[in-house]
PDB file of N, CA and C in Angstrom:
ATOM      1  N   MET A   1      74.457 105.406 116.727  1.00  0.00           N
ATOM      2  CA  MET A   1      75.465 105.908 116.923  1.00  0.00           C
ATOM      3  C   MET A   1      75.858 106.306 115.846  1.00  0.00           C
ATOM      4  N   SER A   2      76.938 107.606 116.199  1.00  0.00           N
ATOM      5  CA  SER A   2      77.798 107.860 115.351  1.00  0.00           C
ATOM      6  C   SER A   2      78.922 108.000 115.592  1.00  0.00           C
ATOM      7  N   TYR A   3      80.151 107.951 114.600  1.00  0.00           N
ATOM      8  CA  TYR A   3      81.467 108.045 115.724  1.00  0.00           C
ATOM      9  C   TYR A   3      82.469 109.443 114.833  1.00  0.00           C
ATOM     10  N   LEU A   4      81.809 109.974 113.893  1.00  0.00           N
ATOM     11  CA  LEU A   4      82.790 111.381 113.769  1.00  0.00           C
ATOM     12  C   LEU A   4      81.474 112.647 113.195  1.00  0.00           C
ATOM     13  N   PRO A   5      81.270 113.038 113.897  1.00  0.00           N
ATOM     14  CA  PRO A   5      81.107 113.556 115.340  1.00  0.00           C
ATOM     15  C   PRO A   5      80.549 112.303 115.892  1.00  0.00           C
ATOM     16  N   SER A   6      81.013 112.076 117.676  1.00  0.00           N
ATOM     17  CA  SER A   6      80.583 111.221 117.844  1.00  0.00           C
ATOM     18  C   SER A   6      79.111 111.848 118.911  1.00  0.00           C
ATOM     19  N   ALA A   7      78.314 110.572 118.673  1.00  0.00           N
ATOM     20  CA  ALA A   7      76.624 110.573 118.524  1.00  0.00           C
ATOM     21  C   ALA A   7      76.771 109.035 119.628  1.00  0.00           C
ATOM     22  N   LEU A   8      75.802 109.593 120.417  1.00  0.00           N
ATOM     23  CA  LEU A   8      74.564 107.792 120.822  1.00  0.00           C
ATOM     24  C   LEU A   8      73.645 108.323 120.955  1.00  0.00           C
ATOM     25  N   ASP A   9      72.700 107.477 120.599  1.00  0.00           N
ATOM     26  CA  ASP A   9      71.202 107.260 120.376  1.00  0.00           C
ATOM     27  C   ASP A   9      70.813 106.537 121.535  1.00  0.00           C
ATOM     28  N   CYS A  10      70.388 106.750 122.320  1.00  0.00           N
ATOM     29  CA  CYS A  10      69.084 105.557 123.350  1.00  0.00           C
ATOM     30  C   CYS A  10      68.352 105.349 123.249  1.00  0.00           C
ATOM     31  N   ARG A  11      67.713 104.047 122.335  1.00  0.00           N
ATOM     32  CA  ARG A  11      66.778 103.650 121.476  1.00  0.00           C
ATOM     33  C   ARG A  11      65.657 103.165 123.238  1.00  0.00           C
ATOM     34  N   LEU A  12      64.410 103.441 123.155  1.00  0.00           N
ATOM     35  CA  LEU A  12      63.497 103.741 124.210  1.00  0.00           C
ATOM     36  C   LEU A  12      62.469 102.563 123.981  1.00  0.00           C
ATOM     37  N   SER A  13      62.030 101.900 124.755  1.00  0.00           N
ATOM     38  CA  SER A  13      61.459 100.702 125.046  1.00  0.00           C
ATOM     39  C   SER A  13      59.727 100.636 123.842  1.00  0.00           C
ATOM     40  N   SER A  14      59.677 102.585 123.639  1.00  0.00           N
ATOM     41  CA  SER A  14      58.503 102.555 123.547  1.00  0.00           C
ATOM     42  C   SER A  14      58.699 102.849 121.530  1.00  0.00           C
ATOM     43  N   GLY A  15      60.106 102.815 121.644  1.00  0.00           N
ATOM     44  CA  GLY A  15      60.464 102.783 119.838  1.00  0.00           C
ATOM     45  C   GLY A  15      61.201 104.059 119.634  1.00  0.00           C
ATOM     46  N   GLY A  16      61.090 105.266 120.535  1.00  0.00           N
ATOM     47  CA  GLY A  16      61.751 105.850 119.942  1.00  0.00           C
ATOM     48  C   GLY A  16      63.184 106.138 120.488  1.00  0.00           C
ATOM     49  N   SER A  17      63.698 107.460 119.982  1.00  0.00           N
ATOM     50  CA  SER A  17      65.324 107.332 120.866  1.00  0.00           C
ATOM     51  C   SER A  17      65.576 108.607 121.340  1.00  0.00           C
ATOM     52  N   CYS A  18      66.083 108.879 122.238  1.00  0.00           N
ATOM     53  CA  CYS A  18      67.238 110.237 122.765  1.00  0.00           C
ATOM     54  C   CYS A  18      68.168 110.359 122.490  1.00  0.00           C
ATOM     55  N   THR A  19      69.109 111.653 122.548  1.00  0.00           N
ATOM     56  CA  THR A  19      70.169 111.522 122.392  1.00  0.00           C
ATOM     57  C   THR A  19      71.006 111.795 123.568  1.00  0.00           C
ATOM     58  N   ALA A  20      72.367 110.685 123.962  1.00  0.00           N
ATOM     59  CA  ALA A  20      72.544 110.641 124.998  1.00  0.00           C
ATOM     60  C   ALA A  20      73.755 112.163 124.974  1.00  0.00           C
ATOM     61  N   ALA A  21      74.214 112.978 125.963  1.00  0.00           N
ATOM     62  CA  ALA A  21      75.219 113.553 126.321  1.00  0.00           C
ATOM     63  C   ALA A  21      76.463 112.739 125.846  1.00  0.00           C
ATOM     64  N   VAL A  22      77.232 113.443 125.010  1.00  0.00           N
ATOM     65  CA  VAL A  22      78.722 112.706 124.281  1.00  0.00           C
ATOM     66  C   VAL A  22      79.352 114.248 124.737  1.00  0.00           C
ATOM     67  N   PRO A  23      80.596 114.589 125.547  1.00  0.00           N
ATOM     68  CA  PRO A  23      81.327 115.475 125.772  1.00  0.00           C
ATOM     69  C   PRO A  23      81.825 116.012 124.585  1.00  0.00           C
ATOM     70  N   ASP A  24      82.169 117.528 124.233  1.00  0.00           N
ATOM     71  CA  ASP A  24      82.565 117.860 122.649  1.00  0.00           C
ATOM     72  C   ASP A  24      84.305 117.796 123.122  1.00  0.00           C
ATOM     73  N   PHE A  25      84.521 117.453 123.936  1.00  0.00           N
ATOM     74  CA  PHE A  25      86.060 117.387 123.690  1.00  0.00           C
ATOM     75  C   PHE A  25      86.660 115.601 122.850  1.00  0.00           C
ATOM     76  N   LEU A  26      85.551 114.783 123.180  1.00  0.00           N
ATOM     77  CA  LEU A  26      85.369 113.582 122.578  1.00  0.00           C
ATOM     78  C   LEU A  26      86.330 113.267 121.359  1.00  0.00           C
ATOM     79  N   THR A  27      85.575 113.949 120.560  1.00  0.00           N
ATOM     80  CA  THR A  27      85.836 113.799 119.013  1.00  0.00           C
ATOM     81  C   THR A  27      87.176 114.061 118.780  1.00  0.00           C
ATOM     82  N   PRO A  28      87.705 115.447 119.032  1.00  0.00           N
ATOM     83  CA  PRO A  28      89.075 115.375 118.819  1.00  0.00           C
ATOM     84  C   PRO A  28      90.570 114.679 119.753  1.00  0.00           C
ATOM     85  N   VAL A  29      89.843 114.281 121.135  1.00  0.00           N
ATOM     86  CA  VAL A  29      90.659 113.292 121.531  1.00  0.00           C
ATOM     87  C   VAL A  29      90.693 111.675 120.643  1.00  0.00           C
ATOM     88  N   MET A  30      89.291 111.365 120.626  1.00  0.00           N
ATOM     89  CA  MET A  30      89.459 109.838 119.458  1.00  0.00           C
ATOM     90  C   MET A  30      90.144 110.041 118.183  1.00  0.00           C
ATOM     91  N   THR A  31      90.523 111.625 117.806  1.00  0.00           N
ATOM     92  CA  THR A  31      90.842 111.357 115.910  1.00  0.00           C
ATOM     93  C   THR A  31      92.756 111.437 116.310  1.00  0.00           C
ATOM     94  N   VAL A  32      92.996 112.510 117.874  1.00  0.00           N
ATOM     95  CA  VAL A  32      94.269 112.068 118.117  1.00  0.00           C
ATOM     96  C   VAL A  32      94.888 110.965 118.323  1.00  0.00           C
ATOM     97  N   CYS A  33      94.027 110.182 119.025  1.00  0.00           N
ATOM     98  CA  CYS A  33      94.743 108.823 119.392  1.00  0.00           C
ATOM     99  C   CYS A  33      94.908 107.731 118.264  1.00  0.00           C
ATOM    100  N   ALA A  34      93.535 108.389 117.155  1.00  0.00           N
ATOM    101  CA  ALA A  34      93.769 107.496 115.984  1.00  0.00           C
ATOM    102  C   ALA A  34      95.176 107.731 114.943  1.00  0.00           C
ATOM    103  N   VAL A  35      95.343 109.138 115.120  1.00  0.00           N
ATOM    104  CA  VAL A  35      96.562 109.382 114.306  1.00  0.00           C
ATOM    105  C   VAL A  35      97.791 108.622 115.001  1.00  0.00           C
ATOM    106  N   PHE A  36      97.567 108.428 116.237  1.00  0.00           N
ATOM    107  CA  PHE A  36      98.843 108.369 117.248  1.00  0.00           C
ATOM    108  C   PHE A  36      98.910 106.374 116.809  1.00  0.00           C
ATOM    109  N   GLU A  37      97.983 106.240 117.047  1.00  0.00           N
ATOM    110  CA  GLU A  37      97.878 105.019 117.207  1.00  0.00           C
ATOM    111  C   GLU A  37      97.991 104.182 115.376  1.00  0.00           C
ATOM    112  N   LEU A  38      98.137 104.819 114.822  1.00  0.00           N
ATOM    113  CA  LEU A  38      98.547 104.884 113.073  1.00  0.00           C
ATOM    114  C   LEU A  38      99.997 104.963 113.272  1.00  0.00           C
ATOM    115  N   THR A  39     100.774 106.104 113.516  1.00  0.00           N
ATOM    116  CA  THR A  39     101.638 106.480 113.396  1.00  0.00           C
ATOM    117  C   THR A  39     102.806 105.259 113.847  1.00  0.00           C
ATOM    118  N   LEU A  40     101.905 105.106 115.557  1.00  0.00           N
ATOM    119  CA  LEU A  40     102.974 104.000 115.933  1.00  0.00           C
ATOM    120  C   LEU A  40     102.584 102.726 115.273  1.00  0.00           C
ATOM    121  N   ALA A  41     102.091 101.970 114.729  1.00  0.00           N
ATOM    122  CA  ALA A  41     102.059 100.693 113.825  1.00  0.00           C
ATOM    123  C   ALA A  41     102.944 100.528 113.145  1.00  0.00           C
ATOM    124  N   LEU A  42     102.915 102.173 112.193  1.00  0.00           N
ATOM    125  CA  LEU A  42     103.675 102.663 110.674  1.00  0.00           C
ATOM    126  C   LEU A  42     105.426 102.370 110.925  1.00  0.00           C
ATOM    127  N   ILE A  43     105.682 103.148 112.491  1.00  0.00           N
ATOM    128  CA  ILE A  43     106.941 103.093 113.311  1.00  0.00           C
ATOM    129  C   ILE A  43     107.263 101.487 113.316  1.00  0.00           C
ATOM    130  N   ALA A  44     106.789 100.729 113.963  1.00  0.00           N
ATOM    131  CA  ALA A  44     106.663  99.080 114.205  1.00  0.00           C
ATOM    132  C   ALA A  44     106.736  98.039 113.294  1.00  0.00           C
ATOM    133  N   VAL A  45     106.345  98.722 111.891  1.00  0.00           N
ATOM    134  CA  VAL A  45     106.018  97.893 111.006  1.00  0.00           C
ATOM    135  C   VAL A  45     107.776  98.566 110.627  1.00  0.00           C
ATOM    136  N   ALA A  46     107.873  99.467 109.864  1.00  0.00           N
ATOM    137  CA  ALA A  46     109.294  99.925 109.732  1.00  0.00           C
ATOM    138  C   ALA A  46     110.563  99.167 110.002  1.00  0.00           C
ATOM    139  N   GLU A  47     110.289  99.263 111.903  1.00  0.00           N
ATOM    140  CA  GLU A  47     111.114  98.812 112.493  1.00  0.00           C
ATOM    141  C   GLU A  47     111.575  97.601 112.113  1.00  0.00           C
ATOM    142  N   ARG A  48     110.362  96.549 112.244  1.00  0.00           N
ATOM    143  CA  ARG A  48     110.214  95.289 112.159  1.00  0.00           C
ATOM    144  C   ARG A  48     111.399  95.052 110.236  1.00  0.00           C
ATOM    145  N   ARG A  49     110.935  95.532 109.884  1.00  0.00           N
ATOM    146  CA  ARG A  49     111.417  95.829 108.232  1.00  0.00           C
ATOM    147  C   ARG A  49     112.807  95.439 108.315  1.00  0.00           C
ATOM    148  N   ARG A  50     113.296  96.697 109.004  1.00  0.00           N
ATOM    149  CA  ARG A  50     114.829  97.510 109.056  1.00  0.00           C
ATOM    150  C   ARG A  50     115.709  95.899 109.962  1.00  0.00           C
ATOM    151  N   THR A  51     115.073  95.199 110.616  1.00  0.00           N
ATOM    152  CA  THR A  51     116.136  94.783 111.777  1.00  0.00           C
ATOM    153  C   THR A  51     115.574  93.089 111.479  1.00  0.00           C
ATOM    154  N   THR A  52     114.466  92.547 110.440  1.00  0.00           N
ATOM    155  CA  THR A  52     114.675  91.256 109.803  1.00  0.00           C
ATOM    156  C   THR A  52     115.766  91.454 108.762  1.00  0.00           C
ATOM    157  N   ALA A  53     116.804  90.106 109.499  1.00  0.00           N
ATOM    158  CA  ALA A  53     117.582  89.427 108.662  1.00  0.00           C
ATOM    159  C   ALA A  53     117.204  89.369 107.464  1.00  0.00           C
ATOM    160  N   PRO A  54     117.908  89.701 105.809  1.00  0.00           N
ATOM    161  CA  PRO A  54     117.723  89.316 104.997  1.00  0.00           C
ATOM    162  C   PRO A  54     117.381  87.339 104.856  1.00  0.00           C
ATOM    163  N   GLU A  55     117.074  86.771 104.145  1.00  0.00           N
ATOM    164  CA  GLU A  55     116.878  85.428 103.885  1.00  0.00           C
ATOM    165  C   GLU A  55     118.346  85.097 103.331  1.00  0.00           C
ATOM    166  N   CYS A  56     118.645  84.043 103.632  1.00  0.00           N
ATOM    167  CA  CYS A  56     119.466  83.083 103.138  1.00  0.00           C
ATOM    168  C   CYS A  56     119.367  82.411 101.610  1.00  0.00           C
ATOM    169  N   SER A  57     120.558  82.692 100.815  1.00  0.00           N
ATOM    170  CA  SER A  57     119.848  82.487  99.299  1.00  0.00           C
ATOM    171  C   SER A  57     120.617  80.730  99.281  1.00  0.00           C
ATOM    172  N   GLY A  58     121.650  80.703 100.436  1.00  0.00           N
ATOM    173  CA  GLY A  58     122.114  79.218 100.120  1.00  0.00           C
ATOM    174  C   GLY A  58     123.626  78.646  99.918  1.00  0.00           C
ATOM    175  N   ARG A  59     124.424  80.304  99.320  1.00  0.00           N
ATOM    176  CA  ARG A  59     125.196  79.900  98.924  1.00  0.00           C
ATOM    177  C   ARG A  59     126.257  81.150  99.567  1.00  0.00           C
ATOM    178  N   SER A  60     125.869  80.821 100.846  1.00  0.00           N
ATOM    179  CA  SER A  60     126.693  81.732 101.960  1.00  0.00           C
ATOM    180  C   SER A  60     128.184  81.421 102.031  1.00  0.00           C
ATOM    181  N   GLY A  61     128.799  80.424 101.332  1.00  0.00           N
ATOM    182  CA  GLY A  61     130.021  79.498 101.404  1.00  0.00           C
ATOM    183  C   GLY A  61     130.393  79.217 102.984  1.00  0.00           C
ATOM    184  N   HIS A  62     129.321  78.643 103.589  1.00  0.00           N
ATOM    185  CA  HIS A  62     129.255  77.843 104.528  1.00  0.00           C
ATOM    186  C   HIS A  62     128.782  76.550 103.873  1.00  0.00           C
ATOM    187  N   SER A  63     129.381  75.243 104.533  1.00  0.00           N
ATOM    188  CA  SER A  63     128.415  73.959 104.293  1.00  0.00           C
ATOM    189  C   SER A  63     127.758  73.711 105.251  1.00  0.00           C
ATOM    190  N   GLY A  64     127.647  74.450 106.965  1.00  0.00           N
ATOM    191  CA  GLY A  64     126.277  74.130 107.418  1.00  0.00           C
ATOM    192  C   GLY A  64     127.188  73.303 108.255  1.00  0.00           C
ATOM    193  N   LYS A  65     128.118  72.593 108.323  1.00  0.00           N
ATOM    194  CA  LYS A  65     128.757  71.571 108.946  1.00  0.00           C
ATOM    195  C   LYS A  65     129.808  72.511 110.236  1.00  0.00           C
ATOM    196  N   ARG A  66     129.870  72.464 111.279  1.00  0.00           N
ATOM    197  CA  ARG A  66     131.072  73.037 112.138  1.00  0.00           C
ATOM    198  C   ARG A  66     132.378  72.526 111.723  1.00  0.00           C
ATOM    199  N   GLY A  67     133.076  73.883 111.919  1.00  0.00           N
ATOM    200  CA  GLY A  67     134.546  73.042 111.853  1.00  0.00           C
ATOM    201  C   GLY A  67     135.705  72.450 112.852  1.00  0.00           C
ATOM    202  N   THR A  68     136.107  71.670 112.324  1.00  0.00           N
ATOM    203  CA  THR A  68     137.019  70.809 113.575  1.00  0.00           C
ATOM    204  C   THR A  68     138.530  71.123 113.446  1.00  0.00           C
TER     205      THR A  68
END
């Protein structure tokens, strides 16, 4: 099996192998999908870092008790 370019060899019971038909358009489609997936993952990580509140240092001026 080869990922780039896409290829698939079928093993025969006699010990040999034959190449299975893999469409020519499959490699570019897989590449575009991988780039799209990586881009979305990076955007998700950046968004998570942007929206995550910073840790409190414990000196915010609040005693932690509700006012009466």
